[in-house]
C-alpha cells in the first residue's frame, strides 16, 4: 500500500509538470504517426515520382513535405525513418537495461572483491571510445539492423551499471534485505526479487534519458554511412542525404532534422519530469 501511494504521488507530480506531459503527448503523436502515418499517403517510401524531383513542400504536388532529389516523398520517408530509429533506440536501450541493471545490482549486492572486480571491468570498457567500438563491430560483422541495436546496446550499459550499483549498495543495508537474508533467501532471489524491483524508479528515469542518446548514436552512424543502409530509411541517413542538398533544397535536410530534434527534446523533457516526480526529496 505504501508503495502504491508513492507511485500515486509521483504520477500526480508528473501530471502537474506541463513540459513533461506535453512531451509525452508529443511522443505518442509522433509514434502513432510513424506507425500509421505512411498508410495515409499513396506513396511508398522508395517510390520515385519522376515528375516531382526535389520539389518543395506543397499541397498541389501531393507531397506535403516535398520530395528528395530522387523524387521520393519526404513525409513517408521521414516517418519510416523515425519508426526505424525509434525501434533501434528502444531495442538498444532494452539490451543496455538487461546488462547494466543485472551487472550493477549483482556488484552492489555482492560488495567486496566481487564488486571491485566487476566495476574495474566497467572502468576498462569506459576507457574505450564507445562510438568507435560500435563502428568496429558494424564493420567486422554484417551491417544488419539487428546487429546495429545489439552493438549500440552492448556498449551503452556502462553508465546504467554504475547508477544501479550505487543504489544497490544502499539497498543491501535496508531492513527488508536483511530480513530476506535471515529467512534463508539465496543471493539470486534477493537480487532479482528485492534489490532490482526497488531500483525501478531510477532505472525508468535513466532509460528515458538513454533513448535519445541511442537515437543520436544511430543517427550518427547512419550519417557516416555505416548504420542503416539504403533502401531502408532512418533519420540519420535522411539527414546525410539532406546535407548534400542543403543549399539548393534545404527542406530535404530540415524535415528529418526537425523530426529528430522533436524526438530528442521530448524524451529529455519527459526524463526530467520523471526525475523530479520520483525524487524522494519532493515527497
Protein backbone atom coordinates (compact mmCIF):
# COMPACT_ATOMS: atom_id res chain seq x y z
CA UNK A 1 0.00 0.00 0.00
CA UNK A 2 2.84 2.38 0.83
CA UNK A 3 4.50 1.63 -2.49
CA UNK A 4 1.23 2.24 -4.32
CA UNK A 5 0.89 5.57 -2.52
CA UNK A 6 4.40 6.62 -3.53
CA UNK A 7 3.73 5.81 -7.19
CA UNK A 8 0.40 7.65 -6.96
CA UNK A 9 2.14 10.75 -5.59
CA UNK A 10 4.80 10.50 -8.30
CA UNK A 11 2.13 10.33 -11.01
CA UNK A 12 0.38 13.38 -9.54
CA UNK A 13 3.63 15.37 -9.63
CA UNK A 14 4.34 14.22 -13.16
CA UNK A 15 0.84 15.20 -14.30
CA UNK A 16 1.42 18.68 -12.87
CA UNK A 17 4.59 19.09 -14.97
CA UNK A 18 3.34 20.70 -18.18
CA UNK A 19 6.60 20.27 -20.07
CA UNK A 20 6.78 16.55 -19.28
CA UNK A 21 3.13 15.89 -20.14
CA UNK A 22 3.39 17.90 -23.37
CA UNK A 23 6.50 15.93 -24.30
CA UNK A 24 4.76 12.64 -23.52
CA UNK A 25 1.77 13.63 -25.67
CA UNK A 26 4.09 14.68 -28.50
CA UNK A 27 5.93 11.36 -28.31
CA UNK A 28 2.64 9.48 -28.51
CA UNK A 29 1.60 11.51 -31.56
CA UNK A 30 4.97 11.01 -33.27
CA UNK A 31 4.91 7.28 -32.54
CA UNK A 32 1.39 6.91 -33.94
CA UNK A 33 2.38 8.92 -37.00
CA UNK A 34 5.45 6.76 -37.51
CA UNK A 35 3.35 3.61 -37.27
CA UNK A 36 0.18 4.69 -39.08
CA UNK A 37 1.10 7.87 -40.99
CA UNK A 38 2.55 6.20 -44.09
CA UNK A 39 -0.80 4.45 -44.63
CA UNK A 40 -2.43 7.84 -45.24
CA UNK A 41 -0.10 8.59 -48.16
CA UNK A 42 -0.39 6.98 -51.60
CA UNK A 43 3.40 6.92 -51.92
CA UNK A 44 5.70 4.09 -50.87
CA UNK A 45 8.93 5.08 -49.09
CA UNK A 46 11.04 4.02 -52.09
CA UNK A 47 8.61 5.05 -54.85
CA UNK A 48 10.01 7.59 -57.33
CA UNK A 49 7.84 10.39 -58.68
CA UNK A 50 9.58 11.27 -61.93
CA UNK A 51 7.52 14.45 -62.35
CA UNK A 52 8.32 15.89 -58.92
CA UNK A 53 12.01 15.60 -58.10
CA UNK A 54 13.34 17.82 -55.31
CA UNK A 55 10.11 19.82 -55.14
CA UNK A 56 9.45 21.95 -52.03
CA UNK A 57 6.57 21.19 -49.65
CA UNK A 58 3.22 21.94 -51.27
CA UNK A 59 -0.33 20.60 -51.43
CA UNK A 60 -0.57 20.99 -55.20
CA UNK A 61 2.12 18.40 -55.95
CA UNK A 62 0.62 15.93 -53.49
CA UNK A 63 3.85 15.85 -51.48
CA UNK A 64 3.06 17.61 -48.21
CA UNK A 65 6.69 17.87 -47.09
CA UNK A 66 8.27 17.86 -50.55
CA UNK A 67 10.43 15.24 -52.21
CA UNK A 68 14.12 14.40 -52.20
CA UNK A 69 16.49 14.52 -55.17
CA UNK A 70 15.20 11.13 -56.38
CA UNK A 71 11.55 12.18 -56.21
CA UNK A 72 10.72 10.15 -53.08
CA UNK A 73 8.08 11.54 -50.73
CA UNK A 74 9.74 13.08 -47.65
CA UNK A 75 6.66 12.73 -45.46
CA UNK A 76 6.60 8.96 -45.86
CA UNK A 77 10.37 8.52 -45.72
CA UNK A 78 10.71 10.67 -42.59
CA UNK A 79 8.00 8.68 -40.79
CA UNK A 80 9.63 5.42 -41.86
CA UNK A 81 12.98 6.80 -40.69
CA UNK A 82 11.52 7.82 -37.34
CA UNK A 83 9.97 4.36 -36.96
CA UNK A 84 13.27 2.60 -37.60
CA UNK A 85 15.32 5.00 -35.46
CA UNK A 86 12.87 4.63 -32.55
CA UNK A 87 12.88 0.85 -32.90
CA UNK A 88 16.68 0.67 -32.88
CA UNK A 89 16.88 3.06 -29.90
CA UNK A 90 14.23 1.20 -27.86
CA UNK A 91 15.76 -2.21 -28.50
CA UNK A 92 19.29 -0.95 -27.81
CA UNK A 93 18.05 0.62 -24.57
CA UNK A 94 16.43 -2.69 -23.61
CA UNK A 95 19.73 -4.51 -24.20
CA UNK A 96 21.54 -1.89 -22.10
CA UNK A 97 19.00 -2.21 -19.29
CA UNK A 98 19.21 -6.01 -19.20
CA UNK A 99 23.01 -5.96 -18.99
CA UNK A 100 23.51 -2.82 -16.91
CA UNK A 101 20.83 -3.44 -14.29
CA UNK A 102 21.90 -7.05 -13.75
CA UNK A 103 25.62 -6.18 -13.63
CA UNK A 104 25.18 -3.23 -11.29
CA UNK A 105 22.74 -4.99 -8.95
CA UNK A 106 24.99 -8.04 -8.59
CA UNK A 107 28.08 -5.91 -8.00
CA UNK A 108 26.35 -3.67 -5.47
CA UNK A 109 24.81 -6.53 -3.50
CA UNK A 110 27.93 -8.72 -3.54
CA UNK A 111 30.32 -5.97 -2.47
CA UNK A 112 33.92 -6.67 -1.56
CA UNK A 113 36.25 -8.18 -4.15
CA UNK A 114 33.41 -9.16 -6.47
CA UNK A 115 32.21 -5.57 -6.60
CA UNK A 116 35.75 -4.25 -7.14
CA UNK A 117 36.47 -6.74 -9.93
CA UNK A 118 33.18 -6.11 -11.76
CA UNK A 119 33.48 -2.34 -11.57
CA UNK A 120 37.11 -2.38 -12.71
CA UNK A 121 35.90 -4.19 -15.81
CA UNK A 122 33.41 -1.35 -16.31
CA UNK A 123 36.20 1.20 -15.91
CA UNK A 124 38.31 -0.56 -18.55
CA UNK A 125 35.40 -0.57 -21.02
CA UNK A 126 34.75 3.09 -20.21
CA UNK A 127 38.29 3.89 -21.33
CA UNK A 128 37.49 2.62 -24.83
CA UNK A 129 35.83 5.08 -27.25
CA UNK A 130 32.34 3.62 -27.40
CA UNK A 131 31.29 5.02 -30.79
CA UNK A 132 34.42 3.66 -32.44
CA UNK A 133 33.82 0.30 -30.76
CA UNK A 134 30.36 0.21 -32.35
CA UNK A 135 31.89 1.19 -35.69
CA UNK A 136 34.37 -1.71 -35.44
CA UNK A 137 31.55 -4.17 -34.66
CA UNK A 138 29.45 -2.98 -37.59
CA UNK A 139 32.44 -3.15 -39.96
CA UNK A 140 33.64 -6.59 -38.85
CA UNK A 141 30.21 -8.20 -38.94
CA UNK A 142 27.17 -7.94 -41.17
CA UNK A 143 25.61 -4.46 -41.26
CA UNK A 144 22.13 -5.58 -40.27
CA UNK A 145 19.57 -3.71 -38.19
CA UNK A 146 19.69 -6.50 -35.59
CA UNK A 147 23.46 -6.21 -35.19
CA UNK A 148 23.20 -2.43 -35.00
CA UNK A 149 20.96 -2.31 -31.95
CA UNK A 150 22.88 -5.15 -30.29
CA UNK A 151 26.18 -3.31 -30.87
CA UNK A 152 24.81 0.01 -29.60
CA UNK A 153 23.18 -1.62 -26.58
CA UNK A 154 26.27 -3.69 -25.78
CA UNK A 155 28.34 -0.54 -25.15
CA UNK A 156 25.57 1.61 -23.68
CA UNK A 157 25.08 -0.27 -20.41
CA UNK A 158 28.15 1.03 -18.57
CA UNK A 159 26.60 4.15 -17.03
CA UNK A 160 23.46 2.19 -16.12
CA UNK A 161 25.63 -0.35 -14.29
CA UNK A 162 27.24 2.43 -12.24
CA UNK A 163 23.88 4.02 -11.40
CA UNK A 164 22.34 0.71 -10.33
CA UNK A 165 25.43 -0.35 -8.39
CA UNK A 166 25.31 2.80 -6.27
CA UNK A 167 21.64 2.27 -5.48
CA UNK A 168 22.20 -1.42 -4.71
CA UNK A 169 24.97 -0.58 -2.22
CA UNK A 170 22.44 1.48 -0.26
CA UNK A 171 19.59 -1.01 -0.58
CA UNK A 172 21.57 -4.00 0.71
CA UNK A 173 21.69 -2.31 4.13
CA UNK A 174 17.90 -1.94 4.30
CA UNK A 175 15.76 -3.95 6.68
CA UNK A 176 13.85 -5.90 4.03
CA UNK A 177 17.11 -7.23 2.56
CA UNK A 178 18.40 -8.24 5.99
CA UNK A 179 15.07 -9.95 6.65
CA UNK A 180 15.36 -11.85 3.37
CA UNK A 181 18.88 -12.98 4.27
CA UNK A 182 17.73 -14.06 7.74
CA UNK A 183 14.87 -16.07 6.22
CA UNK A 184 17.35 -18.06 4.13
CA UNK A 185 16.78 -16.46 0.72
CA UNK A 186 19.61 -17.03 -1.74
CA UNK A 187 21.57 -14.25 -3.48
CA UNK A 188 19.76 -14.70 -6.80
CA UNK A 189 16.35 -14.40 -5.14
CA UNK A 190 17.44 -11.34 -3.17
CA UNK A 191 18.92 -9.56 -6.21
CA UNK A 192 16.03 -10.24 -8.59
CA UNK A 193 13.23 -10.32 -6.02
CA UNK A 194 14.19 -7.47 -3.69
CA UNK A 195 17.05 -5.31 -5.00
CA UNK A 196 16.06 -4.81 -8.65
CA UNK A 197 12.31 -4.17 -8.03
CA UNK A 198 13.24 -1.36 -5.63
CA UNK A 199 15.52 0.21 -8.25
CA UNK A 200 12.83 0.69 -10.88
CA UNK A 201 12.40 4.42 -10.18
CA UNK A 202 15.97 5.46 -11.10
CA UNK A 203 16.06 2.85 -13.87
CA UNK A 204 12.92 4.24 -15.55
CA UNK A 205 14.25 7.79 -15.33
CA UNK A 206 17.62 6.89 -16.80
CA UNK A 207 16.01 4.77 -19.52
CA UNK A 208 14.06 7.79 -20.80
CA UNK A 209 17.33 9.74 -20.93
CA UNK A 210 19.16 6.84 -22.59
CA UNK A 211 16.72 6.51 -25.52
CA UNK A 212 17.62 9.91 -27.09
CA UNK A 213 21.31 9.06 -26.68
CA UNK A 214 20.74 5.82 -28.59
CA UNK A 215 18.84 7.71 -31.31
CA UNK A 216 21.72 10.16 -31.69
CA UNK A 217 24.29 7.32 -31.87
CA UNK A 218 22.23 5.50 -34.51
CA UNK A 219 21.76 8.74 -36.47
CA UNK A 220 25.48 9.48 -36.27
CA UNK A 221 26.39 6.00 -37.55
CA UNK A 222 23.81 6.22 -40.35
CA UNK A 223 25.08 9.71 -41.22
CA UNK A 224 28.56 8.21 -41.64
CA UNK A 225 27.12 5.50 -43.88
CA UNK A 226 27.81 2.54 -41.57
CA UNK A 227 24.42 2.36 -39.89
CA UNK A 228 21.08 1.85 -41.60
CA UNK A 229 21.68 1.28 -45.30
CA UNK A 230 19.58 2.17 -48.34
CA UNK A 231 16.87 1.42 -49.35
CA UNK A 232 15.88 1.49 -45.65
CA UNK A 233 15.40 4.97 -44.24
CA UNK A 234 16.49 6.23 -40.83
CA UNK A 235 16.70 9.77 -39.56
CA UNK A 236 20.48 9.58 -39.79
CA UNK A 237 20.77 8.68 -43.47
CA UNK A 238 17.92 11.06 -44.34
CA UNK A 239 19.88 13.89 -42.72
CA UNK A 240 23.00 12.75 -44.57
CA UNK A 241 21.11 12.93 -47.88
CA UNK A 242 19.70 16.35 -46.96
CA UNK A 243 23.08 17.80 -46.03
CA UNK A 244 24.27 17.25 -49.62
CA UNK A 245 21.34 19.34 -50.90
CA UNK A 246 21.33 21.92 -48.10
CA UNK A 247 21.93 24.95 -50.33
CA UNK A 248 19.63 24.10 -53.22
CA UNK A 249 16.86 22.14 -51.42
CA UNK A 250 17.01 22.90 -47.67
CA UNK A 251 13.71 21.14 -46.90
CA UNK A 252 15.37 17.77 -47.58
CA UNK A 253 17.53 18.41 -44.52
CA UNK A 254 15.08 20.39 -42.39
CA UNK A 255 12.26 17.80 -42.41
CA UNK A 256 14.15 14.81 -40.91
CA UNK A 257 16.32 17.07 -38.74
CA UNK A 258 13.21 18.69 -37.21
CA UNK A 259 11.75 15.26 -36.50
CA UNK A 260 14.97 14.17 -34.80
CA UNK A 261 15.08 17.34 -32.68
CA UNK A 262 11.45 16.91 -31.59
CA UNK A 263 12.02 13.30 -30.53
CA UNK A 264 15.24 14.01 -28.62
CA UNK A 265 13.86 17.09 -26.84
CA UNK A 266 10.63 15.28 -25.94
CA UNK A 267 12.47 12.37 -24.35
CA UNK A 268 14.77 14.73 -22.46
CA UNK A 269 11.88 16.79 -21.06
CA UNK A 270 9.99 13.61 -20.15
CA UNK A 271 13.08 12.24 -18.41
CA UNK A 272 13.49 15.47 -16.44
CA UNK A 273 9.84 15.29 -15.40
CA UNK A 274 10.16 11.68 -14.27
CA UNK A 275 13.33 12.52 -12.33
CA UNK A 276 11.54 15.29 -10.44
CA UNK A 277 8.43 13.17 -9.89
CA UNK A 278 10.39 10.23 -8.46
CA UNK A 279 12.75 12.37 -6.37
CA UNK A 280 12.22 11.29 -2.74
CA UNK A 281 13.03 14.82 -1.55
CA UNK A 282 9.84 16.02 -3.26
CA UNK A 283 7.60 13.57 -1.38
